[in-house]
C-alpha atoms as a PDB file:
ATOM      1  CA  MET A   1      10.138 -15.466 -10.401  1.00  0.00           C
ATOM      2  CA  GLU A   2       8.055 -17.019  -7.664  1.00  0.00           C
ATOM      3  CA  SER A   3       4.790 -15.322  -6.811  1.00  0.00           C
ATOM      4  CA  ARG A   4       4.060 -14.319  -3.206  1.00  0.00           C
ATOM      5  CA  ILE A   5       0.874 -13.305  -1.444  1.00  0.00           C
ATOM      6  CA  ALA A   6       1.405 -10.410   0.940  1.00  0.00           C
ATOM      7  CA  VAL A   7      -0.505  -7.834   2.925  1.00  0.00           C
ATOM      8  CA  VAL A   8       0.720  -4.264   2.539  1.00  0.00           C
ATOM      9  CA  GLY A   9      -0.259  -1.897   5.327  1.00  0.00           C
ATOM     10  CA  ILE A  10      -0.264   1.788   4.390  1.00  0.00           C
ATOM     11  CA  ALA A  11      -0.717   4.662   6.850  1.00  0.00           C
ATOM     12  CA  LEU A  12      -1.422   8.175   5.548  1.00  0.00           C
ATOM     13  CA  GLU A  13      -0.749  11.010   7.974  1.00  0.00           C
ATOM     14  CA  ASP A  14      -2.757  13.492   5.909  1.00  0.00           C
ATOM     15  CA  ARG A  15      -5.224  11.927   3.516  1.00  0.00           C
ATOM     16  CA  THR A  16      -5.885  15.140   1.624  1.00  0.00           C
ATOM     17  CA  LYS A  17      -2.204  15.622   0.773  1.00  0.00           C
ATOM     18  CA  SER A  18      -1.173  12.103  -0.186  1.00  0.00           C
ATOM     19  CA  SER A  19      -4.257  10.120  -1.228  1.00  0.00           C
ATOM     20  CA  GLN A  20      -4.057  11.060  -4.913  1.00  0.00           C
ATOM     21  CA  ALA A  21      -0.416   9.971  -5.200  1.00  0.00           C
ATOM     22  CA  VAL A  22      -1.110   6.749  -3.273  1.00  0.00           C
ATOM     23  CA  ASN A  23      -4.070   5.924  -5.527  1.00  0.00           C
ATOM     24  CA  GLU A  24      -1.999   6.583  -8.662  1.00  0.00           C
ATOM     25  CA  ILE A  25       0.730   4.215  -7.477  1.00  0.00           C
ATOM     26  CA  LEU A  26      -1.770   1.544  -6.466  1.00  0.00           C
ATOM     27  CA  GLY A  27      -3.497   1.945  -9.820  1.00  0.00           C
ATOM     28  CA  SER A  28      -0.243   1.331 -11.666  1.00  0.00           C
ATOM     29  CA  TYR A  29       0.134  -1.967  -9.762  1.00  0.00           C
ATOM     30  CA  GLY A  30      -3.534  -2.905 -10.165  1.00  0.00           C
ATOM     31  CA  ASP A  31      -2.769  -6.186 -11.927  1.00  0.00           C
ATOM     32  CA  MET A  32      -1.218  -7.609  -8.748  1.00  0.00           C
ATOM     33  CA  ILE A  33      -3.804  -6.271  -6.272  1.00  0.00           C
ATOM     34  CA  VAL A  34      -6.206  -8.932  -5.012  1.00  0.00           C
ATOM     35  CA  GLY A  35      -8.144  -6.737  -2.589  1.00  0.00           C
ATOM     36  CA  ARG A  36      -8.059  -3.432  -0.768  1.00  0.00           C
ATOM     37  CA  LEU A  37      -9.646  -1.933   2.352  1.00  0.00           C
ATOM     38  CA  GLY A  38      -9.352   1.679   3.463  1.00  0.00           C
ATOM     39  CA  ILE A  39     -10.401   2.980   6.870  1.00  0.00           C
ATOM     40  CA  PRO A  40     -10.211   6.549   8.189  1.00  0.00           C
ATOM     41  CA  TYR A  41      -8.991   6.436  11.789  1.00  0.00           C
ATOM     42  CA  ARG A  42     -10.402   9.754  12.945  1.00  0.00           C
ATOM     43  CA  ASP A  43      -9.278   9.417  16.584  1.00  0.00           C
ATOM     44  CA  ARG A  44      -5.659   9.500  15.417  1.00  0.00           C
ATOM     45  CA  ASN A  45      -6.214  11.695  12.360  1.00  0.00           C
ATOM     46  CA  ILE A  46      -4.742   9.104   9.974  1.00  0.00           C
ATOM     47  CA  SER A  47      -6.060   6.790   7.273  1.00  0.00           C
ATOM     48  CA  ILE A  48      -5.129   3.131   7.050  1.00  0.00           C
ATOM     49  CA  ILE A  49      -5.206   1.091   3.847  1.00  0.00           C
ATOM     50  CA  SER A  50      -4.588  -2.639   3.724  1.00  0.00           C
ATOM     51  CA  VAL A  51      -3.846  -4.126   0.326  1.00  0.00           C
ATOM     52  CA  ILE A  52      -3.536  -7.814  -0.492  1.00  0.00           C
ATOM     53  CA  VAL A  53      -1.137  -8.388  -3.375  1.00  0.00           C
ATOM     54  CA  ASP A  54       0.059 -11.368  -5.396  1.00  0.00           C
ATOM     55  CA  GLY A  55       3.412 -10.746  -7.034  1.00  0.00           C
ATOM     56  CA  SER A  56       7.138 -11.383  -6.981  1.00  0.00           C
ATOM     57  CA  ASN A  57       9.361 -10.075  -4.202  1.00  0.00           C
ATOM     58  CA  ASP A  58      10.713  -7.494  -6.645  1.00  0.00           C
ATOM     59  CA  GLU A  59       7.236  -6.271  -7.616  1.00  0.00           C
ATOM     60  CA  ILE A  60       6.079  -6.041  -4.004  1.00  0.00           C
ATOM     61  CA  GLY A  61       9.297  -4.240  -3.071  1.00  0.00           C
ATOM     62  CA  ALA A  62       8.892  -1.770  -5.942  1.00  0.00           C
ATOM     63  CA  LEU A  63       5.307  -1.001  -4.896  1.00  0.00           C
ATOM     64  CA  THR A  64       6.142  -0.481  -1.241  1.00  0.00           C
ATOM     65  CA  GLY A  65       9.275   1.487  -2.095  1.00  0.00           C
ATOM     66  CA  LYS A  66       7.314   3.970  -4.195  1.00  0.00           C
ATOM     67  CA  LEU A  67       4.654   4.322  -1.514  1.00  0.00           C
ATOM     68  CA  GLY A  68       7.229   4.695   1.255  1.00  0.00           C
ATOM     69  CA  ASN A  69       8.962   7.511  -0.617  1.00  0.00           C
ATOM     70  CA  LEU A  70       5.855   9.676  -0.395  1.00  0.00           C
ATOM     71  CA  LYS A  71       5.899  12.294   2.342  1.00  0.00           C
ATOM     72  CA  GLY A  72       3.525  11.387   5.168  1.00  0.00           C
ATOM     73  CA  VAL A  73       3.073   7.777   4.024  1.00  0.00           C
ATOM     74  CA  LYS A  74       4.371   4.737   5.915  1.00  0.00           C
ATOM     75  CA  THR A  75       4.225   1.130   4.734  1.00  0.00           C
ATOM     76  CA  LYS A  76       4.775  -2.324   6.199  1.00  0.00           C
ATOM     77  CA  VAL A  77       4.659  -5.647   4.401  1.00  0.00           C
ATOM     78  CA  SER A  78       3.806  -9.087   5.689  1.00  0.00           C
ATOM     79  CA  VAL A  79       4.411 -11.956   3.278  1.00  0.00           C
ATOM     80  CA  MET A  80       1.763 -14.546   3.970  1.00  0.00           C
ATOM     81  CA  TYR A  81       2.375 -17.273   1.445  1.00  0.00           C
END
């Protein structure tokens, strides 16, 4: 399978309720994570995480699918290369 570089945007509506599950999922895909940045957006009461990944379309889809199935978590993917 061909490897892709993508940016995964993750928005958490309630950090205290979903951060542990998000971190567990990201940890299980740690081998494909190139970098990660998390910012609390206090004005909107959400947290934003951007994750740069290098993996196949299937791997990226599996990661975002698991994250997107969590209550209060939204994801978007942009394949860069």
